Amino acid sequence: MARHNYARELSAIFFLPWMLAVVEGSVIGMIVKVAFKDAVPETRLNFAVATLAAAPALANIVSFIWVRLSHALDKVRFVVGLQLVVATLVIAMASVPFSENGLHAFMVLVIAARICYAGIVTLRSTIWTANYPTTIRARVAGKITTIQVELVALAGLLLGQAMDKNEEAFRLILPMYAAVGLIGVWRLSKMRLRQRRTLAAAERQFTEDEGAPSLNPVALWRVLANDRRFGAFMLCQMLIGTGNLMLGPIVIVILEDRFDTGYMGVIIAHTIPLSIMPLFIPLWARLLDRVHIIWFRSIHSWFFVAAAIVYYIAATQDMVALLYAAAVIKSMAFGGGALAWTLGHLDFAPTDRSSQYMGVHVTLTGLRGLIAPLLGILLYSVFEHARPGSGPMVFLVSTVILIVGAVGFFVLGHTLRVRSGGLDKPL
């Protein structure tokens, strides 16, 4: 059954990314920054870009809704339903006018689509846990992620090129992308969840007071308090995520305001980081299969640090070549991050509670997504107001936060090794 499910999921992933690319923060942020620049004041537009760049993480704050609603239900059917809603929202985005009210409508549709996608990601980890053995799960996820990110990168590039020639092209392209995505939805609907009845029965054993998924902050805190190792891991992850999420909107703003790249800024902000990422996923997957997620993050996090530093040098020295270099380094970091973000909680979670642990992880991602991109744009505006041209100082602030998080993972790993005699998967 695992082989059949993998075949169905693999075929579906050739079609689904086309509609998902439309709601990627870097793609949609770049498009909004250029398309609405004559309709919305610059400062307001920059904050809109920050909101859209944060939308993937911001939407995750409601992940517990999906965990709760899918409790003891067929996870595959539930995910298929969410994908149908995403396709509908992508089609609706094609009718939005280039005006201030149009921007507001556009933002609502994108955020709604990301909320649904957050549910897909949250429940997908449970599906992978049930369908694929631990020894190959990271490699399976790596192969699926490789295809997805390549197609998302291609779809974003084609959309940017089309809009560079004709801004109205998205009114035709978005419905086409949604139609292609529906083919993937149909293929995924044929997949089965192994031990579905056993999993549903195990989930029914939990009442809300005993830890059933809930939006109640007390339930979230209970998971973190009951598993101190996971709580400490989430604290370090919060720092790394905050520093990284501050980068996205700043890169988009700088590409347009300082380098005047237009729609083709999508290449640096989106296409390069995603298209090169699959080259590194197999390497990261092998490492993740061998070591505990804490050790993995203590190595992987430094690539985000390096990307932030190179972005700072590129922006302050007006060196376009370094922007491409930073995008490549960020791509290397994304390769490991895509696996670690999806599978990392499984090194802590019991199988029948993987959705809860993922729900906590995704919800905390949403909390930092609510703060970090807007904080980045706010700091950028403050720096620019104090001294025009000093906005890239935000990259240094991000670098400090990232370094603290990376060191935190190393200290946590060393402390747990000393106290407990090792982690589940030693280095």
Foldseek 3Di string as FASTA:
>chain_A
DLVVQLVLLLVLLLQQLLLVLCQALLLVLLLQQFLQPVADPNLVNLLLSLLSNLLLLQLLLCLLVLLQVCQLHFLLVSLLVLLLLSLVLLLVLLPQDNHPVSSVSNSVSSSSNSNSVSNNLLSVLLQLLQSDDLLCSLVSLLVSLLSSLQVSLVSSQVVLVVCVVPVSVSSVSSNVSSVSSVVSSVSSSPRGRHPSNVLSVLSVVDDVVRQRRDSPVVSLVVVCVVQVLLVLLLVLVLLLLLLLSLPQSVQSCCCCVVVNPRSNSCCLNRNLLRNCLSVQLVVLSVVPSQAALLVSLLPLLVLSLVLLVLVLVCLLVVPVVSSNVSSNSSSNSVSNVSSCLSCNQVLPDDSSCSSVSNSSSSSSSSVSSVPRNSVSSVQLVVLCVVPNSRSSCSSVVSSVSSVVSSVSSVVSQVVCCVPVVHGPRHD
